[in-house]
Each structure stands twice: as C-alpha cells, then as structure tokens.
C-alpha cells in the first residue's frame, strides 16, 4: 500500500528529474555548446524551469504534503523522513511566492548572459556585458521582493545558497576575519621571502597536467565510474544525482597551479556529491528546490567547506607535497629537475595581493569575497548602479588589496556568477573556509592516526569520516547543525584563523 510519504517522494522524484535535465543543459552550455546556441538554449531552460515550478507549486503538492505530514508526525525530529517533509513544506511555501514568469525570464536570460559575459571578458569590454548584468540585477531585486525580507534584500537571495546566513550576520563574520587576517597580511608584506627560483617559468604540457590532477583526484576518492573531468572557462561542479557528477577546470601551460588546484577544488565538491547515501537519491534531501542546481549538499557553504578543505588545507600542505612530489616529478621531470618538496610547498603558498580571486592565496582570498559581497549588497539596495561597477571594483581592490586591475577582464569581469544570476552565492566560499577547519579538527579528534595517514598520502580515513558525518546526510541537516553535531559548536572563525596564523607565520618566519 502506498503511503502519503511514498506518494510525496515519488512526486518530488519527478521534480528531481526535471531539475537534473536543466542541469545537463547548463553543463553542456558551459562546456560544449557553440556560441550560436545560447538564445535557443535559454528558451529550453525557461520551458523546463516553468515546468518544474508548476509541478512543485500546484495544489497537488499541497495535498501530498498534508498526507505525508500525518505519516511522519510521530517520528523523531531528526529522522530523514520527517526532515524531507519539513523541507518540502518550507520550500513549497517559498516557491509559491516566486512567479513562474520570473523563473522563466531568469532561466531564458542566463545562457545568453553567460555567453555575452565570456565574450566581454575575452575582449575586456564591460560595456558589452553591462545591459545583461543590469537585467540580472533587476531580476534579483524582483526575486528578493517576491521572497520577502525584513532587513536587507540580500537576505532573501543568500537564503538560496546559505540559509543560516543574513547580511547582518555575514558582516559580523567579515569583521572578525578582517581583525585576524589584515594584521597577518601586513606582517607578510613587510617581511617578504627572499627571491627564489620561479617554478612557473617553465611550460607544463596540458595532457600531463590533466593526468596528474586526475590521479590526485582519484587518490582523494573521486570515482571516475560516476564522474568525469572537462574544460570550462570558469571551473565548476555539477551533479545529476550521486551517480553522475561532473567537474571542470581550465588550463594554462605556464601556470600549473591554475588547473591543478581548480581540479582539487572541484574534486572536493564531487566527493561530497558522490558520498551522499544512495537511499536519498531523487528525494527531497538531495535536490535544490530553488533550481540553481539539484545539489545534494546542504548548502553552498557546506559544499565549499569540502572544496576548500581538499584544495587548500590538504592540497597545499607541506604534508601533501612531501607525499606526492615524486609523482609530480614523474609527470614533469624537466620542470622539477632542480626542485624539491619544500620549494614546491613554498611556491604554491606564496602570499601576494593579486587581481584574480581563483588564483588568490589563502591569506588574501576572503578579501576578494568581501569585496564582491559588498558590491552585491549595494546593487540590491540601490546604493550602487551597474554602470559604476568598474570604478567601484577598482577602488575596492585598491582599498582591500592594494592593487588595481589594468582592465575589466582582470577586474569586474573575472567571475561568471553574476552573468547567471548567482547573487548571494559568494559568501559560501568564506563560510566554507571557516567550516573546513572545524570539520578537520573534529575528524582529527575522532580518527586516531589521521595525520600519519595523510603523511603517507592515504586519504581513506579522512574521506570515511567526512562521508559518515557530512556527505551521506545530503540536505537532512543544515550546515549549522552539521557543525554542532561534529565540532560541538556553531560557525566559529577561531580554528580557521589559527590555521592561517600557524601556517603562514612558519612560511614567512613571523613570530607565532
């Protein structure tokens, strides 16, 4: 006999299929689609997005929810079934406030806007992208008004990515980080390391870069039977259930870290998606009802905690390069002929205020995020106009990092997020940085010998802890709940700031 809960999950499974179809089209648009396909791809996405909205927000869903709620009423508050029904009810109420026409217009505009952005970036021509960005800002404001907010329109949009966060709370987190990071950065700038051999003066063949990156991704645990690696102008991960997870990177023959750390970053996302419990596939606990991506992770901050953990805390560590330098030398014998693990460790951890977020070091990275979030808040509350962006961007780069972009490609046009309407997504990177150290602290506490395993290049113990405590739950627990369940406390900048101080004080010979 089919229960009310079973009927609801079958209904949501169909929604998951529609959203996965949307994501397949988005992945293709960013990796394979010819430029001329952008407009019609937008219409296809608009049609599917409206179908998803209609499927989910109709009265039939309300009746299914009523029956499912009766089924799970007596279950524990943290049971998967009860969490699934509660989340469906929450997002049902929210999605009914967003007009289907708005969702369709945003979906239709996104691939065209992304294509124009890519062309504008290549030509360093913000003026060409400006009208499309203006449309995206207008749609974001319209969505914020539809969803509703009490303090700032940013709150309505950041909820889509990090439900625990608001503009007010985020500003407090940023203030805490500035207090810890800026004095450290000033000491580093005042005490530069002696000039040493530039490893990136060599050419690194692309096939060898891909082979090495994939070998490390697999060593971390990325399953190529359920995943793949492709090329995109801006690296991203997207999944169509845990059984089909796609990651991308971009290559530069003369700058090895770009592709390698892009691959590790997206591998972290991929590990999260592949680690979700199979029983949650096509259920309310593995889809994003708002339709950005049907991600299984509980929030963008939680997802970024994994990309930043595997990319930086593991992949840029001295331990990592001690374990894997010989393999690096096998792939690049001429380039690494006179190098050693310590030089490699120093080379990938140089601190220098720079122009590009995705190439920023760990000390300056969050300053890039603060800049973007402040701009988004200004665009949404009307204190900043789209046509002012290049000037404001450059001014903030000077204020925060002491550098000024020489052109728009290296400045305001460097990120893809706004072209697709991703307002509210940037805080996830900083939240993820903070969460990554809280998770690692908890894993070390719970897993005797973890550091010794990492020193041997063995990642199964860490991956196993993460799968058990984070990945497998999908969206059952909020990011705040995951932190409390594992580390015993809510979001806390202290472990992350301590990590930065210890690592970079050692690298630059600063007082501890």
Protein backbone atom coordinates (compact mmCIF):
# COMPACT_ATOMS: atom_id res chain seq x y z
CA UNK A 1 0.00 0.00 0.00
CA UNK A 2 1.37 3.41 -0.99
CA UNK A 3 1.62 5.79 1.96
CA UNK A 4 1.28 9.55 1.87
CA UNK A 5 5.03 9.83 2.33
CA UNK A 6 5.67 7.45 -0.58
CA UNK A 7 3.37 9.46 -2.85
CA UNK A 8 5.14 12.71 -1.94
CA UNK A 9 8.62 11.29 -2.58
CA UNK A 10 7.50 9.89 -5.96
CA UNK A 11 6.20 13.35 -6.86
CA UNK A 12 9.46 15.01 -5.78
CA UNK A 13 11.48 12.39 -7.69
CA UNK A 14 9.84 13.67 -10.88
CA UNK A 15 10.81 17.22 -9.91
CA UNK A 16 14.38 15.99 -9.38
CA UNK A 17 14.38 14.55 -12.89
CA UNK A 18 13.28 17.87 -14.39
CA UNK A 19 15.91 19.79 -12.43
CA UNK A 20 18.61 17.31 -13.46
CA UNK A 21 17.59 17.80 -17.08
CA UNK A 22 18.00 21.54 -16.59
CA UNK A 23 21.45 20.94 -15.14
CA UNK A 24 22.50 18.74 -18.06
CA UNK A 25 21.64 21.61 -20.39
CA UNK A 26 23.57 24.05 -18.19
CA UNK A 27 26.62 21.78 -18.11
CA UNK A 28 26.51 21.42 -21.89
CA UNK A 29 26.14 25.18 -22.34
CA UNK A 30 29.34 25.77 -20.35
CA UNK A 31 31.43 23.01 -21.90
CA UNK A 32 30.27 22.03 -25.41
CA UNK A 33 27.55 24.31 -26.79
CA UNK A 34 28.54 26.50 -29.77
CA UNK A 35 28.08 30.24 -29.18
CA UNK A 36 25.14 30.41 -31.55
CA UNK A 37 23.10 28.08 -29.35
CA UNK A 38 22.77 30.46 -26.38
CA UNK A 39 19.42 32.03 -27.25
CA UNK A 40 17.57 28.80 -28.01
CA UNK A 41 19.21 27.11 -25.01
CA UNK A 42 17.75 29.89 -22.90
CA UNK A 43 14.27 29.14 -24.23
CA UNK A 44 14.73 25.43 -23.48
CA UNK A 45 15.81 26.21 -19.93
CA UNK A 46 12.90 28.61 -19.49
CA UNK A 47 10.41 25.93 -20.57
CA UNK A 48 11.85 23.32 -18.21
CA UNK A 49 12.14 25.81 -15.33
CA UNK A 50 8.48 26.77 -15.64
CA UNK A 51 7.51 23.09 -15.82
CA UNK A 52 9.47 22.46 -12.62
CA UNK A 53 7.76 25.42 -10.93
CA UNK A 54 4.30 24.29 -11.99
CA UNK A 55 4.98 20.69 -10.98
CA UNK A 56 6.08 21.71 -7.50
CA UNK A 57 3.84 24.63 -6.55
CA UNK A 58 0.45 23.24 -7.56
CA UNK A 59 -2.35 22.19 -5.20
CA UNK A 60 -1.49 18.54 -5.79
CA UNK A 61 1.78 19.05 -3.89
CA UNK A 62 -0.13 20.63 -1.00
CA UNK A 63 -2.40 17.60 -0.71
CA UNK A 64 0.57 15.24 -0.83
CA UNK A 65 2.33 17.27 1.85
CA UNK A 66 -0.72 17.13 4.14
CA UNK A 67 -0.82 13.33 3.87
CA UNK A 68 2.95 12.94 4.30
CA UNK A 69 2.98 15.15 7.39
CA UNK A 70 0.45 12.87 9.02
CA UNK A 71 2.65 9.87 8.21
CA UNK A 72 5.80 11.27 9.84
CA UNK A 73 4.29 13.25 12.72
CA UNK A 74 5.32 10.70 15.36
CA UNK A 75 8.86 10.18 14.06
CA UNK A 76 11.94 11.67 15.75
CA UNK A 77 12.67 15.28 14.86
CA UNK A 78 15.91 14.35 13.10
CA UNK A 79 14.61 11.40 11.07
CA UNK A 80 15.31 11.62 7.36
CA UNK A 81 11.63 11.17 6.50
CA UNK A 82 10.49 13.96 8.79
CA UNK A 83 13.28 16.26 7.60
CA UNK A 84 12.33 15.55 3.99
CA UNK A 85 8.71 16.50 4.58
CA UNK A 86 9.60 19.61 6.59
CA UNK A 87 11.99 20.86 3.92
CA UNK A 88 9.47 20.22 1.17
CA UNK A 89 6.86 22.24 3.09
CA UNK A 90 9.32 25.09 3.68
CA UNK A 91 10.33 25.35 0.05
CA UNK A 92 6.78 24.83 -1.18
CA UNK A 93 5.72 27.95 0.71
CA UNK A 94 8.76 29.87 -0.56
CA UNK A 95 8.46 28.85 -4.21
CA UNK A 96 4.79 29.79 -4.33
CA UNK A 97 5.89 33.35 -3.65
CA UNK A 98 8.12 33.45 -6.75
CA UNK A 99 6.14 33.97 -10.00
CA UNK A 100 6.68 31.28 -12.65
CA UNK A 101 7.17 34.06 -15.20
CA UNK A 102 10.11 35.42 -13.18
CA UNK A 103 11.73 31.99 -13.06
CA UNK A 104 11.24 31.60 -16.81
CA UNK A 105 12.70 35.00 -17.62
CA UNK A 106 15.76 34.35 -15.47
CA UNK A 107 16.31 30.91 -16.99
CA UNK A 108 15.98 32.27 -20.53
CA UNK A 109 18.41 35.10 -19.91
CA UNK A 110 21.13 33.09 -18.14
CA UNK A 111 22.79 31.24 -21.06
CA UNK A 112 22.68 34.34 -23.26
CA UNK A 113 24.11 36.46 -20.46
CA UNK A 114 26.81 33.90 -19.75
CA UNK A 115 27.79 33.80 -23.42
CA UNK A 116 27.96 37.59 -23.61
CA UNK A 117 29.99 37.62 -20.39
CA UNK A 118 32.51 35.15 -21.84
CA UNK A 119 32.91 37.26 -24.97
CA UNK A 120 33.09 40.51 -22.99
CA UNK A 121 35.73 39.04 -20.71
CA UNK A 122 37.82 37.92 -23.68
CA UNK A 123 37.60 41.46 -25.10
CA UNK A 124 37.87 43.17 -21.69
CA UNK A 125 34.70 45.06 -22.56
CA UNK A 126 32.41 45.68 -19.57
CA UNK A 127 30.15 47.93 -21.66
CA UNK A 128 29.13 44.94 -23.80
CA UNK A 129 28.07 42.96 -20.73
CA UNK A 130 26.52 45.85 -18.79
CA UNK A 131 22.94 45.65 -20.18
CA UNK A 132 22.78 41.91 -19.46
CA UNK A 133 24.10 42.42 -15.95
CA UNK A 134 21.50 45.15 -15.44
CA UNK A 135 18.77 42.70 -16.40
CA UNK A 136 20.13 40.13 -13.96
CA UNK A 137 20.26 42.70 -11.15
CA UNK A 138 16.67 43.72 -11.89
CA UNK A 139 15.57 40.07 -11.77
CA UNK A 140 17.45 39.56 -8.50
CA UNK A 141 15.66 42.54 -6.95
CA UNK A 142 12.35 41.22 -8.23
CA UNK A 143 13.04 37.82 -6.69
CA UNK A 144 14.08 39.36 -3.36
CA UNK A 145 10.84 41.34 -3.25
CA UNK A 146 8.82 38.22 -4.08
CA UNK A 147 10.53 36.08 -1.42
CA UNK A 148 10.43 38.86 1.17
CA UNK A 149 12.94 40.05 3.77
CA UNK A 150 12.94 42.07 6.97
CA UNK A 151 16.28 43.90 6.84
CA UNK A 152 18.10 43.70 3.50
CA UNK A 153 17.19 42.28 0.07
CA UNK A 154 20.44 40.32 0.20
CA UNK A 155 18.88 38.15 2.92
CA UNK A 156 16.26 36.80 0.53
CA UNK A 157 18.90 35.77 -2.02
CA UNK A 158 21.63 34.41 0.24
CA UNK A 159 18.98 32.07 1.71
CA UNK A 160 19.06 30.20 -1.60
CA UNK A 161 22.70 29.30 -1.00
CA UNK A 162 23.31 29.52 2.75
CA UNK A 163 20.05 29.51 4.76
CA UNK A 164 21.80 30.21 8.07
CA UNK A 165 23.27 33.48 6.83
CA UNK A 166 21.97 37.07 6.66
CA UNK A 167 23.62 40.32 5.66
CA UNK A 168 23.91 41.34 9.31
CA UNK A 169 25.50 38.07 10.43
CA UNK A 170 27.78 37.98 7.42
CA UNK A 171 29.07 41.46 8.14
CA UNK A 172 29.95 40.32 11.68
CA UNK A 173 31.83 37.30 10.32
CA UNK A 174 33.72 39.52 7.87
CA UNK A 175 34.65 41.94 10.66
CA UNK A 176 36.04 39.05 12.70
CA UNK A 177 38.08 37.80 9.75
CA UNK A 178 39.45 41.25 8.95
CA UNK A 179 40.67 41.56 12.54
CA UNK A 180 42.65 38.36 12.16
CA UNK A 181 43.72 38.46 8.51
CA UNK A 182 44.74 42.07 7.84
CA UNK A 183 47.47 42.26 10.56
CA UNK A 184 48.84 38.91 9.31
CA UNK A 185 48.86 40.16 5.72
CA UNK A 186 50.64 43.38 6.72
CA UNK A 187 53.36 41.41 8.52
CA UNK A 188 53.84 39.16 5.49
CA UNK A 189 54.08 42.10 3.09
CA UNK A 190 56.61 43.75 5.42
CA UNK A 191 58.66 40.53 5.60
CA UNK A 192 58.82 39.13 2.07
CA UNK A 193 60.67 35.89 1.46
CA UNK A 194 63.98 36.05 -0.39
CA UNK A 195 63.64 35.76 -4.16
CA UNK A 196 63.76 32.12 -5.21
CA UNK A 197 63.52 30.14 -8.43
CA UNK A 198 60.23 30.64 -10.25
CA UNK A 199 58.80 27.20 -10.96
CA UNK A 200 56.18 28.65 -13.29
CA UNK A 201 58.73 29.96 -15.76
CA UNK A 202 58.58 26.53 -17.41
CA UNK A 203 55.93 25.19 -19.79
CA UNK A 204 53.71 22.44 -18.35
CA UNK A 205 52.13 20.24 -21.07
CA UNK A 206 48.36 20.15 -20.76
CA UNK A 207 47.97 16.37 -21.01
CA UNK A 208 50.46 15.88 -18.20
CA UNK A 209 48.62 18.48 -16.11
CA UNK A 210 45.34 16.64 -16.63
CA UNK A 211 46.88 13.25 -15.86
CA UNK A 212 48.46 14.41 -12.61
CA UNK A 213 45.35 16.29 -11.49
CA UNK A 214 43.12 13.29 -12.18
CA UNK A 215 45.50 10.92 -10.41
CA UNK A 216 45.31 13.03 -7.24
CA UNK A 217 41.54 13.41 -7.56
CA UNK A 218 41.24 9.63 -7.70
CA UNK A 219 43.67 9.27 -4.79
CA UNK A 220 41.37 11.54 -2.78
CA UNK A 221 38.46 9.25 -3.70
CA UNK A 222 36.82 10.75 -6.81
CA UNK A 223 35.12 7.87 -8.63
CA UNK A 224 35.52 8.10 -12.41
CA UNK A 225 32.81 5.47 -12.87
CA UNK A 226 30.42 8.12 -11.57
CA UNK A 227 32.33 11.24 -12.55
CA UNK A 228 34.36 12.97 -15.24
CA UNK A 229 36.65 15.97 -15.78
CA UNK A 230 36.18 18.52 -18.59
CA UNK A 231 37.32 22.01 -19.56
CA UNK A 232 35.33 25.21 -18.96
CA UNK A 233 36.14 28.94 -19.00
CA UNK A 234 35.35 29.06 -15.27
CA UNK A 235 35.74 25.82 -13.26
CA UNK A 236 32.57 24.36 -11.74
CA UNK A 237 31.00 21.15 -10.46
CA UNK A 238 27.50 19.99 -11.25
CA UNK A 239 25.76 16.72 -10.50
CA UNK A 240 22.78 14.80 -11.80
CA UNK A 241 22.43 12.55 -8.72
CA UNK A 242 25.35 10.92 -6.92
CA UNK A 243 25.80 8.59 -9.88
CA UNK A 244 26.70 11.30 -12.42
CA UNK A 245 28.97 14.03 -11.08
CA UNK A 246 30.82 16.38 -13.46
CA UNK A 247 33.78 18.61 -12.64
CA UNK A 248 35.65 21.04 -14.87
CA UNK A 249 38.86 23.04 -14.79
CA UNK A 250 40.87 25.34 -17.08
CA UNK A 251 44.50 25.09 -18.13
CA UNK A 252 47.47 27.41 -18.55
CA UNK A 253 50.70 25.94 -19.93
CA UNK A 254 52.75 28.43 -17.94
CA UNK A 255 50.87 28.37 -14.63
CA UNK A 256 50.50 24.84 -13.29
CA UNK A 257 48.55 25.79 -10.09
CA UNK A 258 45.56 27.09 -12.09
CA UNK A 259 44.38 23.74 -13.41
CA UNK A 260 45.74 21.60 -10.59
CA UNK A 261 44.10 23.47 -7.75
CA UNK A 262 41.00 24.07 -9.84
CA UNK A 263 40.76 20.29 -10.21
CA UNK A 264 41.26 19.69 -6.49
CA UNK A 265 38.70 22.36 -5.63
CA UNK A 266 36.03 20.82 -7.83
CA UNK A 267 37.02 17.34 -6.66
CA UNK A 268 36.01 18.40 -3.15
CA UNK A 269 32.56 19.25 -4.47
CA UNK A 270 32.45 15.99 -6.38
CA UNK A 271 33.39 13.92 -3.33
CA UNK A 272 30.50 15.47 -1.41
CA UNK A 273 28.01 14.62 -4.14
CA UNK A 274 29.32 11.09 -4.68
CA UNK A 275 29.30 10.46 -0.91
CA UNK A 276 25.57 11.05 -0.39
CA UNK A 277 23.74 7.95 0.82
CA UNK A 278 22.18 6.07 -2.13
CA UNK A 279 18.79 5.92 -0.41
CA UNK A 280 18.48 9.72 -0.69
CA UNK A 281 18.76 9.81 -4.49
CA UNK A 282 15.79 11.63 -6.10
CA UNK A 283 14.35 12.52 -2.70
CA UNK A 284 13.72 15.96 -1.13
CA UNK A 285 17.03 15.59 0.70
CA UNK A 286 19.16 15.71 -2.45
CA UNK A 287 17.66 18.48 -4.56
CA UNK A 288 17.75 22.25 -4.54
CA UNK A 289 14.09 23.23 -4.74
CA UNK A 290 15.04 26.71 -5.91
CA UNK A 291 16.55 25.18 -9.01
CA UNK A 292 20.04 26.65 -9.19
CA UNK A 293 21.45 23.12 -9.23
CA UNK A 294 19.97 19.90 -7.84
CA UNK A 295 22.83 19.63 -5.39
CA UNK A 296 22.73 17.07 -2.62
CA UNK A 297 24.85 19.11 -0.23
CA UNK A 298 23.00 21.02 2.46
CA UNK A 299 24.29 24.47 1.48
CA UNK A 300 26.89 26.21 -0.64
CA UNK A 301 28.92 26.93 2.48
CA UNK A 302 28.97 23.25 3.41
CA UNK A 303 29.86 22.39 -0.18
CA UNK A 304 32.65 24.95 -0.26
CA UNK A 305 34.00 23.61 3.01
CA UNK A 306 34.87 20.46 1.09
CA UNK A 307 36.34 22.14 -1.97
CA UNK A 308 38.47 24.42 0.23
CA UNK A 309 39.45 21.56 2.54
CA UNK A 310 40.72 19.30 -0.24
CA UNK A 311 42.18 22.10 -2.35
CA UNK A 312 43.94 24.11 0.33
CA UNK A 313 44.14 22.51 3.75
CA UNK A 314 45.14 19.17 2.25
CA UNK A 315 46.41 20.01 -1.26
CA UNK A 316 48.59 22.99 -0.32
CA UNK A 317 50.04 21.43 2.82
CA UNK A 318 53.69 20.53 3.39
CA UNK A 319 52.45 17.02 4.17
CA UNK A 320 50.83 16.73 0.75
CA UNK A 321 53.91 17.74 -1.22
CA UNK A 322 56.17 15.53 0.85
CA UNK A 323 53.91 12.63 -0.08
CA UNK A 324 53.34 13.45 -3.75
CA UNK A 325 56.37 15.35 -5.02
CA UNK A 326 57.93 12.25 -6.57
CA UNK A 327 54.75 11.71 -8.59
CA UNK A 328 54.83 15.37 -9.65
CA UNK A 329 58.41 14.90 -10.84
CA UNK A 330 57.42 11.80 -12.84
CA UNK A 331 54.86 13.87 -14.77
CA UNK A 332 57.17 16.89 -15.15
CA UNK A 333 60.78 15.62 -14.98
CA UNK A 334 62.41 18.61 -16.68
CA UNK A 335 60.38 21.24 -14.84
CA UNK A 336 61.02 19.63 -11.44
CA UNK A 337 64.64 18.62 -12.07
CA UNK A 338 66.08 21.12 -9.60
CA UNK A 339 63.08 21.41 -7.30
CA UNK A 340 62.21 19.61 -4.07
CA UNK A 341 59.08 19.19 -1.91
CA UNK A 342 59.89 22.23 0.21
CA UNK A 343 60.30 24.52 -2.80
CA UNK A 344 57.04 23.21 -4.24
CA UNK A 345 55.28 23.84 -0.91
CA UNK A 346 56.58 27.41 -0.78
CA UNK A 347 55.75 28.02 -4.45
CA UNK A 348 52.06 27.13 -4.08
CA UNK A 349 51.70 29.14 -0.87
CA UNK A 350 53.19 32.48 -1.83
CA UNK A 351 51.21 35.33 -0.34
CA UNK A 352 50.83 38.34 -2.58
CA UNK A 353 47.85 40.64 -3.00
CA UNK A 354 46.69 39.88 -6.52
CA UNK A 355 43.94 40.56 -9.05
CA UNK A 356 42.24 37.20 -9.58
CA UNK A 357 40.09 35.54 -6.92
CA UNK A 358 40.56 31.95 -8.09
CA UNK A 359 44.35 32.42 -8.05
CA UNK A 360 44.42 34.19 -4.67
CA UNK A 361 46.43 32.80 -1.77
CA UNK A 362 44.71 31.69 1.42
CA UNK A 363 45.53 34.85 3.35
CA UNK A 364 44.03 37.29 0.84
CA UNK A 365 41.24 35.12 -0.57
CA UNK A 366 38.46 36.25 1.76
CA UNK A 367 39.18 39.89 1.00
CA UNK A 368 38.14 39.12 -2.59
CA UNK A 369 34.88 37.67 -1.28
CA UNK A 370 34.17 40.66 0.97
CA UNK A 371 34.59 42.99 -1.99
CA UNK A 372 32.07 41.06 -4.09
CA UNK A 373 29.51 40.75 -1.31
CA UNK A 374 29.67 44.47 -0.56
CA UNK A 375 29.08 45.19 -4.25
CA UNK A 376 26.13 42.80 -4.39
CA UNK A 377 24.54 44.41 -1.34
CA UNK A 378 24.94 47.82 -2.94
CA UNK A 379 23.41 46.68 -6.22
CA UNK A 380 20.45 45.15 -4.43
CA UNK A 381 19.67 48.04 -2.07
CA UNK A 382 20.16 50.63 -4.82
CA UNK A 383 23.18 52.40 -3.31
CA UNK A 384 25.28 51.26 -6.27
CA UNK A 385 24.48 51.39 -10.00
CA UNK A 386 25.60 48.81 -12.53
CA UNK A 387 27.40 51.40 -14.64
CA UNK A 388 29.52 52.34 -11.61
CA UNK A 389 30.87 48.81 -11.16
CA UNK A 390 34.29 49.05 -12.89
CA UNK A 391 35.23 52.16 -10.94
CA UNK A 392 33.89 50.82 -7.64
CA UNK A 393 35.54 47.45 -8.20
CA UNK A 394 38.92 49.04 -8.82
CA UNK A 395 38.54 51.33 -5.83
CA UNK A 396 37.75 48.42 -3.52
CA UNK A 397 40.64 46.37 -4.91
CA UNK A 398 42.93 49.25 -4.02
CA UNK A 399 41.37 49.55 -0.56
CA UNK A 400 41.44 45.85 0.33
CA UNK A 401 44.43 44.51 -1.58
CA UNK A 402 46.49 47.47 -2.71
CA UNK A 403 46.29 46.51 -6.38
CA UNK A 404 44.29 48.00 -9.27
CA UNK A 405 43.19 45.93 -12.28
CA UNK A 406 44.63 47.24 -15.55
CA UNK A 407 41.49 46.19 -17.45
CA UNK A 408 37.99 44.80 -16.95
CA UNK A 409 38.96 41.21 -17.78
CA UNK A 410 41.25 41.16 -14.75
CA UNK A 411 38.74 43.15 -12.73
CA UNK A 412 34.98 43.28 -12.70
CA UNK A 413 34.54 40.67 -15.45
CA UNK A 414 36.61 37.89 -13.90
CA UNK A 415 33.77 35.83 -12.31
CA UNK A 416 30.91 34.07 -14.07
CA UNK A 417 28.48 34.18 -11.13
CA UNK A 418 26.60 37.40 -11.85
CA UNK A 419 26.07 36.52 -15.51
CA UNK A 420 23.97 33.53 -14.42
CA UNK A 421 22.13 35.43 -11.71
CA UNK A 422 24.09 33.93 -8.80
CA UNK A 423 23.62 36.84 -6.40
CA UNK A 424 24.11 35.62 -2.84
CA UNK A 425 26.45 32.76 -3.73
CA UNK A 426 29.83 34.34 -2.95
CA UNK A 427 29.58 34.15 0.88
CA UNK A 428 29.66 30.36 0.58
CA UNK A 429 33.38 30.48 -0.21
CA UNK A 430 34.26 32.25 3.03
CA UNK A 431 31.80 30.22 5.10
CA UNK A 432 33.34 27.11 3.57
CA UNK A 433 36.85 28.21 4.54
CA UNK A 434 35.73 28.57 8.15
CA UNK A 435 33.78 25.31 8.23
CA UNK A 436 36.63 23.32 6.68
CA UNK A 437 38.84 23.75 9.74
CA UNK A 438 36.05 22.96 12.16
CA UNK A 439 35.40 19.70 10.30
CA UNK A 440 39.10 18.83 10.16
CA UNK A 441 39.50 19.46 13.89
CA UNK A 442 36.60 17.09 14.57
CA UNK A 443 37.99 14.45 12.19
CA UNK A 444 41.37 14.57 13.94
CA UNK A 445 39.67 14.18 17.31
CA UNK A 446 37.61 11.19 16.16
CA UNK A 447 40.21 9.43 13.96
CA UNK A 448 43.41 8.29 15.70
CA UNK A 449 46.35 8.27 13.30
CA UNK A 450 44.70 10.59 10.79
CA UNK A 451 47.72 12.86 10.42
CA UNK A 452 50.02 9.87 9.99
CA UNK A 453 47.75 8.54 7.22
CA UNK A 454 47.77 11.92 5.46
CA UNK A 455 51.58 11.96 5.68
CA UNK A 456 51.58 8.66 3.78
CA UNK A 457 49.26 10.07 1.14
CA UNK A 458 46.39 7.91 2.40
CA UNK A 459 43.06 9.75 2.30
CA UNK A 460 40.55 6.98 3.02
CA UNK A 461 40.40 7.71 6.79
CA UNK A 462 39.57 11.39 6.22
CA UNK A 463 37.15 10.65 3.39
CA UNK A 464 35.46 7.98 5.51
CA UNK A 465 34.93 10.40 8.40
CA UNK A 466 33.52 13.02 6.06
CA UNK A 467 31.18 10.54 4.38
CA UNK A 468 29.87 9.33 7.72
CA UNK A 469 29.48 12.73 9.35
CA UNK A 470 28.81 15.13 6.45
CA UNK A 471 28.32 13.71 2.96
CA UNK A 472 25.88 10.88 3.49
CA UNK A 473 23.23 13.10 5.08
CA UNK A 474 22.58 15.13 1.95
CA UNK A 475 20.36 18.05 2.94
CA UNK A 476 18.93 16.37 6.03
CA UNK A 477 20.83 18.65 8.42
CA UNK A 478 21.62 22.32 7.98
CA UNK A 479 25.23 23.43 7.80
CA UNK A 480 24.91 24.83 11.32
CA UNK A 481 23.56 21.50 12.57
CA UNK A 482 26.42 19.62 10.91
CA UNK A 483 28.92 21.89 12.65
CA UNK A 484 27.31 21.38 16.05
CA UNK A 485 26.94 17.63 15.56
CA UNK A 486 30.62 17.24 14.60
CA UNK A 487 32.55 20.04 16.29
CA UNK A 488 30.21 20.83 19.17
CA UNK A 489 29.76 24.48 18.21
CA UNK A 490 28.23 26.74 15.58
CA UNK A 491 30.20 28.63 12.92
CA UNK A 492 33.45 29.72 14.58
CA UNK A 493 36.30 31.61 12.91
CA UNK A 494 38.86 30.71 15.60
CA UNK A 495 40.17 27.39 14.14
CA UNK A 496 40.45 28.90 10.66
CA UNK A 497 42.32 32.00 11.84
CA UNK A 498 44.62 29.85 13.99
CA UNK A 499 45.38 27.70 10.95
CA UNK A 500 46.29 30.75 8.85
CA UNK A 501 48.49 32.23 11.59
CA UNK A 502 50.36 28.99 12.23
CA UNK A 503 50.89 28.07 8.58
CA UNK A 504 51.96 31.44 7.26
CA UNK A 505 53.95 32.53 10.32
CA UNK A 506 56.05 29.43 9.74
CA UNK A 507 56.33 30.07 5.99
CA UNK A 508 57.39 33.69 6.43
CA UNK A 509 59.39 33.40 9.66
CA UNK A 510 56.98 35.57 11.64
CA UNK A 511 56.59 35.50 15.43
CA UNK A 512 53.96 32.91 16.38
